[in-house]
């Protein structure tokens, strides 16, 4: 079996209009990589949001990243005060990172 690293997985669902501000916050906290999935929908505090609705001009985005626990703490410290303003949600869970070339952790 290949070696793994214990990491934190962070998933953030946010209004697409706040995505650039979120990415700036992640970069300021020293994040080394992330994945963005645009035009996602679901049911949340702002009601149902459907990416298939042609009248829906601004959707949600999901940002996913994995980092070491100390890095996650820095990200959460910066994100917590902003999340109320941004709306959306943030999930943090433990995960294992399969070591390979060019890791972005």
Protein backbone atom coordinates (compact mmCIF):
# COMPACT_ATOMS: atom_id res chain seq x y z
CA UNK A 1 0.00 0.00 0.00
CA UNK A 2 1.23 3.50 -0.82
CA UNK A 3 1.93 5.91 2.03
CA UNK A 4 -0.71 8.46 2.95
CA UNK A 5 -0.72 11.70 4.88
CA UNK A 6 -3.41 12.66 7.39
CA UNK A 7 -5.02 15.85 6.16
CA UNK A 8 -8.13 18.01 6.54
CA UNK A 9 -10.61 18.22 3.66
CA UNK A 10 -12.39 21.57 3.38
CA UNK A 11 -15.48 21.98 1.19
CA UNK A 12 -16.99 25.43 0.82
CA UNK A 13 -20.24 26.20 -1.01
CA UNK A 14 -20.46 29.88 -1.78
CA UNK A 15 -22.32 32.33 -4.01
CA UNK A 16 -20.34 32.62 -7.25
CA UNK A 17 -20.16 36.39 -6.81
CA UNK A 18 -18.01 35.91 -3.71
CA UNK A 19 -15.68 33.32 -5.25
CA UNK A 20 -12.78 35.67 -6.02
CA UNK A 21 -12.89 37.08 -2.48
CA UNK A 22 -12.84 33.53 -1.08
CA UNK A 23 -9.88 32.55 -3.26
CA UNK A 24 -8.00 35.67 -2.09
CA UNK A 25 -8.70 34.66 1.50
CA UNK A 26 -7.37 31.13 0.82
CA UNK A 27 -4.21 32.51 -0.79
CA UNK A 28 -3.63 34.91 2.12
CA UNK A 29 -3.91 31.92 4.48
CA UNK A 30 -1.26 30.11 2.46
CA UNK A 31 -3.38 27.50 0.67
CA UNK A 32 -1.27 25.70 -1.92
CA UNK A 33 -4.06 24.34 -4.09
CA UNK A 34 -7.83 24.08 -4.47
CA UNK A 35 -10.48 22.90 -6.91
CA UNK A 36 -13.47 25.02 -8.02
CA UNK A 37 -16.70 23.54 -9.33
CA UNK A 38 -18.91 26.23 -10.82
CA UNK A 39 -22.70 26.43 -11.32
CA UNK A 40 -23.85 24.03 -8.62
CA UNK A 41 -27.31 23.96 -7.09
CA UNK A 42 -29.13 22.64 -4.07
CA UNK A 43 -31.30 23.64 -1.15
CA UNK A 44 -29.95 25.93 1.53
CA UNK A 45 -30.61 29.07 3.53
CA UNK A 46 -31.33 31.02 0.32
CA UNK A 47 -33.84 28.43 -0.91
CA UNK A 48 -33.53 26.12 -3.88
CA UNK A 49 -30.91 27.06 -6.45
CA UNK A 50 -30.92 25.20 -9.75
CA UNK A 51 -28.05 25.47 -12.24
CA UNK A 52 -30.49 24.33 -14.95
CA UNK A 53 -32.65 27.46 -14.56
CA UNK A 54 -31.97 29.71 -17.57
CA UNK A 55 -32.92 32.79 -15.54
CA UNK A 56 -30.37 32.00 -12.84
CA UNK A 57 -27.60 34.42 -13.69
CA UNK A 58 -25.42 33.91 -10.63
CA UNK A 59 -25.06 30.48 -9.12
CA UNK A 60 -23.13 28.76 -6.42
CA UNK A 61 -19.61 27.44 -6.59
CA UNK A 62 -17.93 24.72 -4.57
CA UNK A 63 -14.30 25.03 -3.51
CA UNK A 64 -12.56 21.86 -2.32
CA UNK A 65 -9.10 21.65 -0.83
CA UNK A 66 -7.02 19.39 1.36
CA UNK A 67 -4.33 20.66 3.71
CA UNK A 68 -2.52 19.88 6.92
CA UNK A 69 -4.33 20.58 10.20
CA UNK A 70 -2.33 23.74 11.01
CA UNK A 71 -3.10 25.15 7.57
CA UNK A 72 -6.80 24.33 8.00
CA UNK A 73 -6.78 26.26 11.28
CA UNK A 74 -5.36 29.34 9.49
CA UNK A 75 -7.98 29.07 6.76
CA UNK A 76 -10.81 28.71 9.27
CA UNK A 77 -9.56 31.68 11.29
CA UNK A 78 -9.86 33.89 8.21
CA UNK A 79 -13.03 32.28 6.87
CA UNK A 80 -15.19 32.23 10.01
CA UNK A 81 -15.83 35.99 10.19
CA UNK A 82 -16.44 36.19 6.43
CA UNK A 83 -18.74 33.17 6.09
CA UNK A 84 -21.69 35.00 7.64
CA UNK A 85 -21.26 37.76 5.07
CA UNK A 86 -20.64 35.35 2.17
CA UNK A 87 -23.46 32.96 2.98
CA UNK A 88 -23.10 29.33 1.99
CA UNK A 89 -21.50 26.63 4.10
CA UNK A 90 -18.18 25.07 5.00
CA UNK A 91 -17.51 21.43 5.87
CA UNK A 92 -14.26 20.17 7.40
CA UNK A 93 -13.42 16.50 7.67
CA UNK A 94 -10.43 14.26 8.20
CA UNK A 95 -9.04 12.59 5.10
CA UNK A 96 -6.00 10.71 3.84
CA UNK A 97 -3.88 12.10 1.00
CA UNK A 98 -2.27 9.46 -1.18
CA UNK A 99 1.30 10.59 -1.68
CA UNK A 100 2.31 11.10 -5.29
CA UNK A 101 4.27 13.51 -7.48
CA UNK A 102 3.82 17.27 -7.31
CA UNK A 103 1.67 17.32 -4.16
CA UNK A 104 0.00 20.65 -3.45
CA UNK A 105 -0.22 20.42 0.31
